[in-house]
Amino acid sequence: MSTKPSELTDPLLAAGQAYIAAVKSGDLDKLAPLLDPETIWMPPNDTSLFGLAEVREWWKEYFEFFRVTSFTESEREVTMSGDLAIEESTYMVAITPVKGGTRIRDDGRLLKISKRQPDGSWKMWRLMWNSIRPVGSGTNRYMSRLLQKRSRSK
């Protein structure tokens, strides 16, 4: 008997794996279909993103500066409530700056709410995440991006 989740016991498993693959490949065309049209994202150290267009633009800019080389979830819990699924997880991500520099490792928490679509599929409806590491410990993507923007504009 396996204790690993399957699509039968975890309806978000396939969508979560597709999301991680899309982020690691930097492929916005694979990411967009995983999102509910009314998605709202709350990234750390940034403004909230409303809808597919804003999320796509955020990722487009992100991929100009970073490549996600590793993403693993160490803990994950899913609570089903009608047409909503609430997912709480912890993660480790490794990010490589595109223009060189030290690899960034971050550990954090993620809260995702997925919504069942009329066709029965699940798409990300709300997403919020944050680091559990102290600011300045080499995990701050915002500062790294800001420094890269400044050097590019000179």
C-alpha atoms as a PDB file:
ATOM      1  CA  MET A   1       0.000   0.000   0.000  1.00  0.00           C
ATOM      2  CA  SER A   2       1.386   3.417  -1.000  1.00  0.00           C
ATOM      3  CA  THR A   3       1.141   6.500   1.202  1.00  0.00           C
ATOM      4  CA  LYS A   4       1.965   8.813  -1.702  1.00  0.00           C
ATOM      5  CA  PRO A   5      -0.979  10.927  -2.874  1.00  0.00           C
ATOM      6  CA  SER A   6      -2.600   9.970  -6.145  1.00  0.00           C
ATOM      7  CA  GLU A   7      -4.973  11.874  -8.406  1.00  0.00           C
ATOM      8  CA  LEU A   8      -7.802   9.834  -6.875  1.00  0.00           C
ATOM      9  CA  THR A   9      -6.986  10.959  -3.323  1.00  0.00           C
ATOM     10  CA  ASP A  10      -5.648  14.405  -4.254  1.00  0.00           C
ATOM     11  CA  PRO A  11      -7.421  16.174  -7.136  1.00  0.00           C
ATOM     12  CA  LEU A  12      -4.834  18.996  -7.077  1.00  0.00           C
ATOM     13  CA  LEU A  13      -1.811  16.752  -7.530  1.00  0.00           C
ATOM     14  CA  ALA A  14      -1.596  16.892 -11.344  1.00  0.00           C
ATOM     15  CA  ALA A  15      -2.216  20.652 -11.476  1.00  0.00           C
ATOM     16  CA  GLY A  16       0.441  21.233  -8.792  1.00  0.00           C
ATOM     17  CA  GLN A  17       2.985  19.167 -10.680  1.00  0.00           C
ATOM     18  CA  ALA A  18       2.140  21.021 -13.916  1.00  0.00           C
ATOM     19  CA  TYR A  19       2.592  24.366 -12.120  1.00  0.00           C
ATOM     20  CA  ILE A  20       6.042  23.406 -10.809  1.00  0.00           C
ATOM     21  CA  ALA A  21       7.082  22.160 -14.269  1.00  0.00           C
ATOM     22  CA  ALA A  22       5.855  25.385 -15.930  1.00  0.00           C
ATOM     23  CA  VAL A  23       7.706  27.587 -13.415  1.00  0.00           C
ATOM     24  CA  LYS A  24      10.927  25.569 -13.725  1.00  0.00           C
ATOM     25  CA  SER A  25      10.757  25.736 -17.536  1.00  0.00           C
ATOM     26  CA  GLY A  26       9.838  29.448 -17.552  1.00  0.00           C
ATOM     27  CA  ASP A  27       6.964  28.644 -19.939  1.00  0.00           C
ATOM     28  CA  LEU A  28       4.127  31.152 -19.562  1.00  0.00           C
ATOM     29  CA  ASP A  29       1.999  29.294 -22.111  1.00  0.00           C
ATOM     30  CA  LYS A  30       2.006  26.238 -19.833  1.00  0.00           C
ATOM     31  CA  LEU A  31       1.368  28.317 -16.720  1.00  0.00           C
ATOM     32  CA  ALA A  32      -1.647  30.343 -17.908  1.00  0.00           C
ATOM     33  CA  PRO A  33      -4.055  27.396 -18.420  1.00  0.00           C
ATOM     34  CA  LEU A  34      -3.561  26.402 -14.772  1.00  0.00           C
ATOM     35  CA  LEU A  35      -5.061  29.676 -13.520  1.00  0.00           C
ATOM     36  CA  ASP A  36      -8.668  30.654 -12.952  1.00  0.00           C
ATOM     37  CA  PRO A  37      -9.541  33.741 -15.061  1.00  0.00           C
ATOM     38  CA  GLU A  38     -10.289  35.644 -11.834  1.00  0.00           C
ATOM     39  CA  THR A  39      -7.070  34.615 -10.090  1.00  0.00           C
ATOM     40  CA  ILE A  40      -5.529  36.909  -7.484  1.00  0.00           C
ATOM     41  CA  TRP A  41      -1.913  36.465  -6.374  1.00  0.00           C
ATOM     42  CA  MET A  42      -0.229  38.067  -3.378  1.00  0.00           C
ATOM     43  CA  PRO A  43       3.541  37.697  -3.856  1.00  0.00           C
ATOM     44  CA  PRO A  44       5.907  38.792  -1.086  1.00  0.00           C
ATOM     45  CA  ASN A  45       7.342  42.311  -1.224  1.00  0.00           C
ATOM     46  CA  ASP A  46       5.094  43.204  -4.154  1.00  0.00           C
ATOM     47  CA  THR A  47       1.607  44.439  -5.007  1.00  0.00           C
ATOM     48  CA  SER A  48      -1.319  42.064  -5.454  1.00  0.00           C
ATOM     49  CA  LEU A  49      -1.914  40.775  -8.973  1.00  0.00           C
ATOM     50  CA  PHE A  50      -5.463  40.701 -10.326  1.00  0.00           C
ATOM     51  CA  GLY A  51      -6.278  38.369 -13.215  1.00  0.00           C
ATOM     52  CA  LEU A  52      -4.351  36.396 -15.807  1.00  0.00           C
ATOM     53  CA  ALA A  53      -2.817  39.396 -17.582  1.00  0.00           C
ATOM     54  CA  GLU A  54      -1.186  40.789 -14.423  1.00  0.00           C
ATOM     55  CA  VAL A  55       0.083  37.359 -13.328  1.00  0.00           C
ATOM     56  CA  ARG A  56       1.544  36.713 -16.798  1.00  0.00           C
ATOM     57  CA  GLU A  57       3.260  40.132 -16.765  1.00  0.00           C
ATOM     58  CA  TRP A  58       4.693  39.466 -13.291  1.00  0.00           C
ATOM     59  CA  TRP A  59       6.125  36.111 -14.400  1.00  0.00           C
ATOM     60  CA  LYS A  60       7.421  37.585 -17.669  1.00  0.00           C
ATOM     61  CA  GLU A  61       9.445  40.149 -15.719  1.00  0.00           C
ATOM     62  CA  TYR A  62      10.482  37.534 -13.154  1.00  0.00           C
ATOM     63  CA  PHE A  63      11.872  35.229 -15.866  1.00  0.00           C
ATOM     64  CA  GLU A  64      13.941  38.133 -17.253  1.00  0.00           C
ATOM     65  CA  PHE A  65      15.918  38.054 -13.991  1.00  0.00           C
ATOM     66  CA  PHE A  66      15.615  34.529 -12.566  1.00  0.00           C
ATOM     67  CA  ARG A  67      15.377  30.836 -13.411  1.00  0.00           C
ATOM     68  CA  VAL A  68      13.834  28.453 -10.911  1.00  0.00           C
ATOM     69  CA  THR A  69      16.182  25.471 -10.796  1.00  0.00           C
ATOM     70  CA  SER A  70      14.551  23.516  -7.976  1.00  0.00           C
ATOM     71  CA  PHE A  71      11.189  23.566  -6.243  1.00  0.00           C
ATOM     72  CA  THR A  72      10.152  20.993  -3.653  1.00  0.00           C
ATOM     73  CA  GLU A  73       7.328  20.834  -1.164  1.00  0.00           C
ATOM     74  CA  SER A  74       8.263  19.348   2.193  1.00  0.00           C
ATOM     75  CA  GLU A  75       4.824  19.465   3.802  1.00  0.00           C
ATOM     76  CA  ARG A  76       1.420  19.775   2.189  1.00  0.00           C
ATOM     77  CA  GLU A  77      -2.159  19.649   3.413  1.00  0.00           C
ATOM     78  CA  VAL A  78      -5.298  19.968   1.298  1.00  0.00           C
ATOM     79  CA  THR A  79      -8.750  20.752   2.698  1.00  0.00           C
ATOM     80  CA  MET A  80     -11.724  20.339   0.371  1.00  0.00           C
ATOM     81  CA  SER A  81     -14.790  22.552   0.781  1.00  0.00           C
ATOM     82  CA  GLY A  82     -17.323  22.217  -2.023  1.00  0.00           C
ATOM     83  CA  ASP A  83     -15.894  23.764  -5.187  1.00  0.00           C
ATOM     84  CA  LEU A  84     -12.870  25.165  -3.332  1.00  0.00           C
ATOM     85  CA  ALA A  85      -9.697  23.388  -2.256  1.00  0.00           C
ATOM     86  CA  ILE A  86      -7.421  25.037   0.302  1.00  0.00           C
ATOM     87  CA  GLU A  87      -3.798  23.983   0.091  1.00  0.00           C
ATOM     88  CA  GLU A  88      -1.220  24.821   2.762  1.00  0.00           C
ATOM     89  CA  SER A  89       2.380  23.850   2.125  1.00  0.00           C
ATOM     90  CA  THR A  90       5.986  24.552   2.903  1.00  0.00           C
ATOM     91  CA  TYR A  91       8.550  24.697   0.130  1.00  0.00           C
ATOM     92  CA  MET A  92      12.197  25.038  -0.765  1.00  0.00           C
ATOM     93  CA  VAL A  93      13.082  26.863  -3.952  1.00  0.00           C
ATOM     94  CA  ALA A  94      16.441  27.459  -5.606  1.00  0.00           C
ATOM     95  CA  ILE A  95      16.674  30.423  -7.975  1.00  0.00           C
ATOM     96  CA  THR A  96      19.548  31.347 -10.263  1.00  0.00           C
ATOM     97  CA  PRO A  97      19.953  34.975 -11.370  1.00  0.00           C
ATOM     98  CA  VAL A  98      19.944  35.093 -15.200  1.00  0.00           C
ATOM     99  CA  LYS A  99      22.740  37.652 -15.420  1.00  0.00           C
ATOM    100  CA  GLY A 100      25.020  35.850 -12.988  1.00  0.00           C
ATOM    101  CA  GLY A 101      25.373  36.038  -9.274  1.00  0.00           C
ATOM    102  CA  THR A 102      24.888  33.782  -6.322  1.00  0.00           C
ATOM    103  CA  ARG A 103      22.151  31.185  -6.397  1.00  0.00           C
ATOM    104  CA  ILE A 104      19.301  32.100  -4.069  1.00  0.00           C
ATOM    105  CA  ARG A 105      17.749  29.468  -1.828  1.00  0.00           C
ATOM    106  CA  ASP A 106      14.517  30.215  -0.082  1.00  0.00           C
ATOM    107  CA  ASP A 107      12.269  28.281   2.258  1.00  0.00           C
ATOM    108  CA  GLY A 108       8.740  29.425   2.705  1.00  0.00           C
ATOM    109  CA  ARG A 109       5.044  28.867   3.220  1.00  0.00           C
ATOM    110  CA  LEU A 110       2.351  28.847   0.588  1.00  0.00           C
ATOM    111  CA  LEU A 111      -1.426  29.204   0.813  1.00  0.00           C
ATOM    112  CA  LYS A 112      -3.305  28.352  -2.356  1.00  0.00           C
ATOM    113  CA  ILE A 113      -7.032  28.181  -2.995  1.00  0.00           C
ATOM    114  CA  SER A 114      -8.077  26.333  -6.125  1.00  0.00           C
ATOM    115  CA  LYS A 115     -11.534  26.484  -7.657  1.00  0.00           C
ATOM    116  CA  ARG A 116     -13.334  23.672  -9.440  1.00  0.00           C
ATOM    117  CA  GLN A 117     -14.140  24.707 -13.005  1.00  0.00           C
ATOM    118  CA  PRO A 118     -17.373  23.839 -14.860  1.00  0.00           C
ATOM    119  CA  ASP A 119     -15.491  21.041 -16.682  1.00  0.00           C
ATOM    120  CA  GLY A 120     -14.441  19.501 -13.325  1.00  0.00           C
ATOM    121  CA  SER A 121     -10.793  20.610 -13.506  1.00  0.00           C
ATOM    122  CA  TRP A 122      -9.129  22.598 -10.720  1.00  0.00           C
ATOM    123  CA  LYS A 123      -7.437  25.952 -11.308  1.00  0.00           C
ATOM    124  CA  MET A 124      -5.544  28.336  -9.025  1.00  0.00           C
ATOM    125  CA  TRP A 125      -7.936  30.989  -7.800  1.00  0.00           C
ATOM    126  CA  ARG A 126      -5.935  32.634  -4.970  1.00  0.00           C
ATOM    127  CA  LEU A 127      -2.242  32.336  -4.143  1.00  0.00           C
ATOM    128  CA  MET A 128      -0.119  33.836  -1.373  1.00  0.00           C
ATOM    129  CA  TRP A 129       3.390  32.899  -0.271  1.00  0.00           C
ATOM    130  CA  ASN A 130       6.228  34.181   1.889  1.00  0.00           C
ATOM    131  CA  SER A 131       9.739  33.327   2.995  1.00  0.00           C
ATOM    132  CA  ILE A 132      10.468  31.986   6.453  1.00  0.00           C
ATOM    133  CA  ARG A 133      14.084  33.160   6.248  1.00  0.00           C
ATOM    134  CA  PRO A 134      15.147  36.549   7.612  1.00  0.00           C
ATOM    135  CA  VAL A 135      15.472  39.430   5.161  1.00  0.00           C
ATOM    136  CA  GLY A 136      19.091  39.823   4.102  1.00  0.00           C
ATOM    137  CA  SER A 137      19.939  36.130   4.395  1.00  0.00           C
ATOM    138  CA  GLY A 138      20.452  35.772   0.656  1.00  0.00           C
ATOM    139  CA  THR A 139      16.826  34.999  -0.133  1.00  0.00           C
ATOM    140  CA  ASN A 140      15.535  38.411  -1.077  1.00  0.00           C
ATOM    141  CA  ARG A 141      14.522  38.189  -4.750  1.00  0.00           C
ATOM    142  CA  TYR A 142      13.185  41.739  -4.634  1.00  0.00           C
ATOM    143  CA  MET A 143      16.553  43.264  -3.676  1.00  0.00           C
ATOM    144  CA  SER A 144      18.419  41.094  -6.145  1.00  0.00           C
ATOM    145  CA  ARG A 145      16.043  42.162  -8.934  1.00  0.00           C
ATOM    146  CA  LEU A 146      16.325  45.830  -7.948  1.00  0.00           C
ATOM    147  CA  LEU A 147      20.133  45.695  -8.064  1.00  0.00           C
ATOM    148  CA  GLN A 148      20.017  44.018 -11.491  1.00  0.00           C
ATOM    149  CA  LYS A 149      17.615  46.692 -12.786  1.00  0.00           C
ATOM    150  CA  ARG A 150      19.908  49.469 -11.527  1.00  0.00           C
ATOM    151  CA  SER A 151      23.003  47.985 -13.190  1.00  0.00           C
ATOM    152  CA  ARG A 152      21.040  47.497 -16.441  1.00  0.00           C
ATOM    153  CA  SER A 153      19.919  51.130 -16.530  1.00  0.00           C
ATOM    154  CA  LYS A 154      23.473  52.505 -16.196  1.00  0.00           C
END
